[in-house]
C-alpha atoms as a PDB file:
ATOM      1  CA  UNK A   1     -69.551 -40.469  45.244  1.00  0.00           C
ATOM      2  CA  UNK A   2     -66.407 -42.099  43.882  1.00  0.00           C
ATOM      3  CA  UNK A   3     -66.619 -45.406  42.058  1.00  0.00           C
ATOM      4  CA  UNK A   4     -65.064 -48.086  44.257  1.00  0.00           C
ATOM      5  CA  UNK A   5     -65.772 -51.154  42.151  1.00  0.00           C
ATOM      6  CA  UNK A   6     -66.432 -51.992  38.533  1.00  0.00           C
ATOM      7  CA  UNK A   7     -68.199 -55.306  38.025  1.00  0.00           C
ATOM      8  CA  UNK A   8     -68.155 -56.704  34.498  1.00  0.00           C
ATOM      9  CA  UNK A   9     -70.564 -59.522  33.682  1.00  0.00           C
ATOM     10  CA  UNK A  10     -70.570 -61.460  30.459  1.00  0.00           C
ATOM     11  CA  UNK A  11     -70.437 -64.960  29.071  1.00  0.00           C
ATOM     12  CA  UNK A  12     -67.330 -66.963  28.441  1.00  0.00           C
ATOM     13  CA  UNK A  13     -65.123 -65.531  25.666  1.00  0.00           C
ATOM     14  CA  UNK A  14     -67.131 -62.301  25.553  1.00  0.00           C
ATOM     15  CA  UNK A  15     -63.985 -60.192  26.006  1.00  0.00           C
ATOM     16  CA  UNK A  16     -64.142 -59.300  29.708  1.00  0.00           C
ATOM     17  CA  UNK A  17     -60.529 -60.172  30.532  1.00  0.00           C
ATOM     18  CA  UNK A  18     -59.186 -58.037  27.700  1.00  0.00           C
ATOM     19  CA  UNK A  19     -61.339 -55.121  28.816  1.00  0.00           C
ATOM     20  CA  UNK A  20     -60.075 -55.518  32.392  1.00  0.00           C
ATOM     21  CA  UNK A  21     -56.428 -55.332  31.268  1.00  0.00           C
ATOM     22  CA  UNK A  22     -57.195 -52.247  29.189  1.00  0.00           C
ATOM     23  CA  UNK A  23     -59.115 -50.635  32.071  1.00  0.00           C
ATOM     24  CA  UNK A  24     -56.090 -51.074  34.302  1.00  0.00           C
ATOM     25  CA  UNK A  25     -54.029 -49.288  31.658  1.00  0.00           C
ATOM     26  CA  UNK A  26     -56.396 -46.362  31.004  1.00  0.00           C
ATOM     27  CA  UNK A  27     -57.702 -45.584  34.490  1.00  0.00           C
ATOM     28  CA  UNK A  28     -55.556 -42.907  36.127  1.00  0.00           C
ATOM     29  CA  UNK A  29     -55.281 -44.688  39.491  1.00  0.00           C
ATOM     30  CA  UNK A  30     -54.217 -48.297  40.061  1.00  0.00           C
ATOM     31  CA  UNK A  31     -57.101 -50.794  40.189  1.00  0.00           C
ATOM     32  CA  UNK A  32     -56.902 -54.414  41.310  1.00  0.00           C
ATOM     33  CA  UNK A  33     -58.503 -57.015  39.052  1.00  0.00           C
ATOM     34  CA  UNK A  34     -60.151 -60.246  40.137  1.00  0.00           C
ATOM     35  CA  UNK A  35     -61.938 -62.786  37.991  1.00  0.00           C
ATOM     36  CA  UNK A  36     -64.107 -65.766  38.676  1.00  0.00           C
ATOM     37  CA  UNK A  37     -61.564 -67.835  36.702  1.00  0.00           C
ATOM     38  CA  UNK A  38     -59.012 -67.031  39.422  1.00  0.00           C
ATOM     39  CA  UNK A  39     -61.448 -68.294  42.045  1.00  0.00           C
ATOM     40  CA  UNK A  40     -61.901 -71.558  40.152  1.00  0.00           C
ATOM     41  CA  UNK A  41     -58.125 -71.909  39.702  1.00  0.00           C
ATOM     42  CA  UNK A  42     -57.572 -71.293  43.436  1.00  0.00           C
ATOM     43  CA  UNK A  43     -59.920 -74.103  44.442  1.00  0.00           C
ATOM     44  CA  UNK A  44     -58.531 -77.545  45.240  1.00  0.00           C
ATOM     45  CA  UNK A  45     -58.394 -79.752  42.145  1.00  0.00           C
ATOM     46  CA  UNK A  46     -60.965 -82.135  43.639  1.00  0.00           C
ATOM     47  CA  UNK A  47     -63.507 -79.258  43.759  1.00  0.00           C
ATOM     48  CA  UNK A  48     -63.055 -78.638  40.031  1.00  0.00           C
ATOM     49  CA  UNK A  49     -64.476 -82.009  39.053  1.00  0.00           C
ATOM     50  CA  UNK A  50     -67.117 -82.822  41.640  1.00  0.00           C
ATOM     51  CA  UNK A  51     -70.778 -82.291  42.386  1.00  0.00           C
ATOM     52  CA  UNK A  52     -69.651 -80.457  45.529  1.00  0.00           C
ATOM     53  CA  UNK A  53     -67.590 -77.942  43.548  1.00  0.00           C
ATOM     54  CA  UNK A  54     -67.820 -77.071  39.880  1.00  0.00           C
ATOM     55  CA  UNK A  55     -68.100 -79.228  36.792  1.00  0.00           C
ATOM     56  CA  UNK A  56     -67.915 -78.392  33.116  1.00  0.00           C
ATOM     57  CA  UNK A  57     -70.018 -80.772  31.057  1.00  0.00           C
ATOM     58  CA  UNK A  58     -69.054 -81.814  27.539  1.00  0.00           C
ATOM     59  CA  UNK A  59     -71.835 -79.654  26.060  1.00  0.00           C
ATOM     60  CA  UNK A  60     -70.505 -76.482  27.739  1.00  0.00           C
ATOM     61  CA  UNK A  61     -72.816 -76.348  30.747  1.00  0.00           C
ATOM     62  CA  UNK A  62     -71.307 -75.229  34.050  1.00  0.00           C
ATOM     63  CA  UNK A  63     -72.770 -76.814  37.153  1.00  0.00           C
ATOM     64  CA  UNK A  64     -71.890 -75.472  40.596  1.00  0.00           C
ATOM     65  CA  UNK A  65     -72.432 -77.295  43.862  1.00  0.00           C
ATOM     66  CA  UNK A  66     -72.780 -76.191  47.484  1.00  0.00           C
ATOM     67  CA  UNK A  67     -69.033 -76.220  48.141  1.00  0.00           C
ATOM     68  CA  UNK A  68     -68.442 -73.867  45.245  1.00  0.00           C
ATOM     69  CA  UNK A  69     -71.272 -71.589  46.410  1.00  0.00           C
ATOM     70  CA  UNK A  70     -69.700 -71.376  49.884  1.00  0.00           C
ATOM     71  CA  UNK A  71     -66.256 -70.519  48.489  1.00  0.00           C
ATOM     72  CA  UNK A  72     -67.803 -68.060  46.046  1.00  0.00           C
ATOM     73  CA  UNK A  73     -69.592 -66.260  48.904  1.00  0.00           C
ATOM     74  CA  UNK A  74     -66.321 -66.014  50.847  1.00  0.00           C
ATOM     75  CA  UNK A  75     -64.506 -64.786  47.731  1.00  0.00           C
ATOM     76  CA  UNK A  76     -67.127 -62.083  47.123  1.00  0.00           C
ATOM     77  CA  UNK A  77     -66.819 -60.897  50.742  1.00  0.00           C
ATOM     78  CA  UNK A  78     -63.023 -60.800  50.417  1.00  0.00           C
ATOM     79  CA  UNK A  79     -63.080 -58.829  47.171  1.00  0.00           C
ATOM     80  CA  UNK A  80     -65.579 -56.367  48.655  1.00  0.00           C
ATOM     81  CA  UNK A  81     -63.370 -56.003  51.760  1.00  0.00           C
ATOM     82  CA  UNK A  82     -60.497 -54.820  49.564  1.00  0.00           C
ATOM     83  CA  UNK A  83     -62.720 -52.153  48.034  1.00  0.00           C
ATOM     84  CA  UNK A  84     -63.900 -51.110  51.499  1.00  0.00           C
ATOM     85  CA  UNK A  85     -60.229 -50.804  52.517  1.00  0.00           C
ATOM     86  CA  UNK A  86     -59.696 -48.262  49.742  1.00  0.00           C
ATOM     87  CA  UNK A  87     -58.540 -50.266  46.724  1.00  0.00           C
ATOM     88  CA  UNK A  88     -60.256 -49.724  43.401  1.00  0.00           C
ATOM     89  CA  UNK A  89     -61.443 -53.168  42.307  1.00  0.00           C
ATOM     90  CA  UNK A  90     -62.478 -54.496  38.911  1.00  0.00           C
ATOM     91  CA  UNK A  91     -64.343 -57.816  38.876  1.00  0.00           C
ATOM     92  CA  UNK A  92     -64.609 -60.095  35.836  1.00  0.00           C
ATOM     93  CA  UNK A  93     -67.546 -62.418  36.513  1.00  0.00           C
ATOM     94  CA  UNK A  94     -69.991 -64.727  34.756  1.00  0.00           C
ATOM     95  CA  UNK A  95     -73.469 -64.494  36.297  1.00  0.00           C
ATOM     96  CA  UNK A  96     -74.582 -68.061  35.601  1.00  0.00           C
ATOM     97  CA  UNK A  97     -77.686 -67.332  37.678  1.00  0.00           C
ATOM     98  CA  UNK A  98     -78.451 -64.014  35.977  1.00  0.00           C
ATOM     99  CA  UNK A  99     -80.205 -61.658  38.403  1.00  0.00           C
ATOM    100  CA  UNK A 100     -79.668 -64.026  41.368  1.00  0.00           C
ATOM    101  CA  UNK A 101     -75.901 -63.771  40.822  1.00  0.00           C
ATOM    102  CA  UNK A 102     -76.074 -59.988  40.813  1.00  0.00           C
ATOM    103  CA  UNK A 103     -78.109 -60.094  44.020  1.00  0.00           C
ATOM    104  CA  UNK A 104     -75.365 -62.111  45.757  1.00  0.00           C
ATOM    105  CA  UNK A 105     -72.929 -59.302  44.966  1.00  0.00           C
ATOM    106  CA  UNK A 106     -75.414 -56.597  45.973  1.00  0.00           C
ATOM    107  CA  UNK A 107     -75.934 -58.243  49.359  1.00  0.00           C
ATOM    108  CA  UNK A 108     -72.185 -58.054  50.082  1.00  0.00           C
ATOM    109  CA  UNK A 109     -71.643 -54.589  48.608  1.00  0.00           C
ATOM    110  CA  UNK A 110     -73.677 -52.585  51.092  1.00  0.00           C
ATOM    111  CA  UNK A 111     -73.095 -48.908  50.404  1.00  0.00           C
ATOM    112  CA  UNK A 112     -70.145 -49.201  47.996  1.00  0.00           C
ATOM    113  CA  UNK A 113     -70.362 -47.211  44.778  1.00  0.00           C
ATOM    114  CA  UNK A 114     -70.337 -49.801  41.996  1.00  0.00           C
ATOM    115  CA  UNK A 115     -70.402 -49.435  38.226  1.00  0.00           C
ATOM    116  CA  UNK A 116     -72.283 -52.434  36.782  1.00  0.00           C
ATOM    117  CA  UNK A 117     -71.161 -53.250  33.232  1.00  0.00           C
ATOM    118  CA  UNK A 118     -72.687 -55.800  30.892  1.00  0.00           C
ATOM    119  CA  UNK A 119     -70.246 -57.202  28.342  1.00  0.00           C
ATOM    120  CA  UNK A 120     -72.094 -58.598  25.363  1.00  0.00           C
ATOM    121  CA  UNK A 121     -70.838 -60.438  22.313  1.00  0.00           C
ATOM    122  CA  UNK A 122     -72.744 -62.150  19.540  1.00  0.00           C
ATOM    123  CA  UNK A 123     -73.002 -65.867  20.208  1.00  0.00           C
ATOM    124  CA  UNK A 124     -71.178 -66.927  17.003  1.00  0.00           C
ATOM    125  CA  UNK A 125     -68.288 -64.525  17.585  1.00  0.00           C
ATOM    126  CA  UNK A 126     -67.858 -65.656  21.205  1.00  0.00           C
ATOM    127  CA  UNK A 127     -67.952 -69.304  20.040  1.00  0.00           C
ATOM    128  CA  UNK A 128     -65.197 -68.559  17.516  1.00  0.00           C
ATOM    129  CA  UNK A 129     -63.058 -66.962  20.219  1.00  0.00           C
ATOM    130  CA  UNK A 130     -63.684 -69.972  22.436  1.00  0.00           C
ATOM    131  CA  UNK A 131     -62.311 -72.309  19.767  1.00  0.00           C
ATOM    132  CA  UNK A 132     -59.308 -70.050  19.165  1.00  0.00           C
ATOM    133  CA  UNK A 133     -58.503 -69.928  22.887  1.00  0.00           C
ATOM    134  CA  UNK A 134     -58.459 -73.678  23.181  1.00  0.00           C
ATOM    135  CA  UNK A 135     -58.824 -73.584  26.985  1.00  0.00           C
ATOM    136  CA  UNK A 136     -62.603 -73.763  27.265  1.00  0.00           C
ATOM    137  CA  UNK A 137     -65.162 -76.497  26.749  1.00  0.00           C
ATOM    138  CA  UNK A 138     -66.754 -75.841  23.382  1.00  0.00           C
ATOM    139  CA  UNK A 139     -70.343 -74.701  23.706  1.00  0.00           C
ATOM    140  CA  UNK A 140     -69.837 -72.688  26.893  1.00  0.00           C
ATOM    141  CA  UNK A 141     -69.726 -69.324  25.107  1.00  0.00           C
ATOM    142  CA  UNK A 142     -72.893 -69.982  23.121  1.00  0.00           C
ATOM    143  CA  UNK A 143     -74.780 -71.243  26.167  1.00  0.00           C
ATOM    144  CA  UNK A 144     -73.754 -68.283  28.322  1.00  0.00           C
ATOM    145  CA  UNK A 145     -74.071 -65.469  25.764  1.00  0.00           C
ATOM    146  CA  UNK A 146     -77.598 -64.502  26.803  1.00  0.00           C
ATOM    147  CA  UNK A 147     -78.394 -66.329  30.051  1.00  0.00           C
ATOM    148  CA  UNK A 148     -75.817 -64.411  32.108  1.00  0.00           C
ATOM    149  CA  UNK A 149     -77.643 -61.143  31.342  1.00  0.00           C
ATOM    150  CA  UNK A 150     -81.189 -62.302  32.200  1.00  0.00           C
ATOM    151  CA  UNK A 151     -82.692 -59.931  34.752  1.00  0.00           C
ATOM    152  CA  UNK A 152     -79.387 -58.155  35.415  1.00  0.00           C
ATOM    153  CA  UNK A 153     -79.512 -54.363  35.708  1.00  0.00           C
ATOM    154  CA  UNK A 154     -76.529 -52.449  34.340  1.00  0.00           C
ATOM    155  CA  UNK A 155     -75.292 -48.884  34.454  1.00  0.00           C
ATOM    156  CA  UNK A 156     -73.573 -49.429  31.126  1.00  0.00           C
ATOM    157  CA  UNK A 157     -73.311 -52.100  28.430  1.00  0.00           C
ATOM    158  CA  UNK A 158     -70.582 -52.653  25.877  1.00  0.00           C
ATOM    159  CA  UNK A 159     -70.539 -55.047  22.943  1.00  0.00           C
ATOM    160  CA  UNK A 160     -67.248 -56.618  21.901  1.00  0.00           C
ATOM    161  CA  UNK A 161     -68.616 -58.233  18.760  1.00  0.00           C
ATOM    162  CA  UNK A 162     -67.069 -55.520  16.589  1.00  0.00           C
ATOM    163  CA  UNK A 163     -65.490 -53.222  19.194  1.00  0.00           C
ATOM    164  CA  UNK A 164     -61.955 -53.657  20.524  1.00  0.00           C
ATOM    165  CA  UNK A 165     -61.256 -54.068  24.227  1.00  0.00           C
ATOM    166  CA  UNK A 166     -59.457 -50.720  24.458  1.00  0.00           C
ATOM    167  CA  UNK A 167     -62.434 -48.835  23.029  1.00  0.00           C
ATOM    168  CA  UNK A 168     -64.765 -50.619  25.459  1.00  0.00           C
ATOM    169  CA  UNK A 169     -62.397 -49.838  28.345  1.00  0.00           C
ATOM    170  CA  UNK A 170     -62.312 -46.142  27.434  1.00  0.00           C
ATOM    171  CA  UNK A 171     -66.117 -46.090  27.313  1.00  0.00           C
ATOM    172  CA  UNK A 172     -66.276 -47.663  30.774  1.00  0.00           C
ATOM    173  CA  UNK A 173     -63.536 -45.389  32.158  1.00  0.00           C
ATOM    174  CA  UNK A 174     -65.573 -42.339  31.109  1.00  0.00           C
ATOM    175  CA  UNK A 175     -68.284 -43.473  33.573  1.00  0.00           C
ATOM    176  CA  UNK A 176     -65.899 -43.882  36.511  1.00  0.00           C
ATOM    177  CA  UNK A 177     -66.181 -40.930  38.847  1.00  0.00           C
END
């Protein structure tokens, strides 16, 4: 079977976005890329600061409400529909609910051939990247570093602590059939 989707899961500032850009460069066919950050950015501003939508607390916690969950479910279905229509799709996600988040994707995926990739990064390194980026609430990377992987089953894991995005992307690309 041919890989139709690549789903990368990792905490904030773990290096997923860089890997996605490199994957698009090294894979022989064109692949579309979608990230949970794009979903958040596409939501109305009022949903980005409410109990109904998504909130980012000062300590780095991310809290999602029922409105966010509903939009997230629709987004997942839409992304999966593109893969079903024949587009190769790479997803950059943060499984705040660990295994439950993966199960939401699995429910929508049906019979698609998916490569599940865990993107790990040591907590201190991710926290340093978070500070350097300047666009994240400090503490998010440290809080998410491990929790996003709890109970999640992967086909492949990469660690960006000391490995560049391009090397990780080439490792992942070698698993794409």
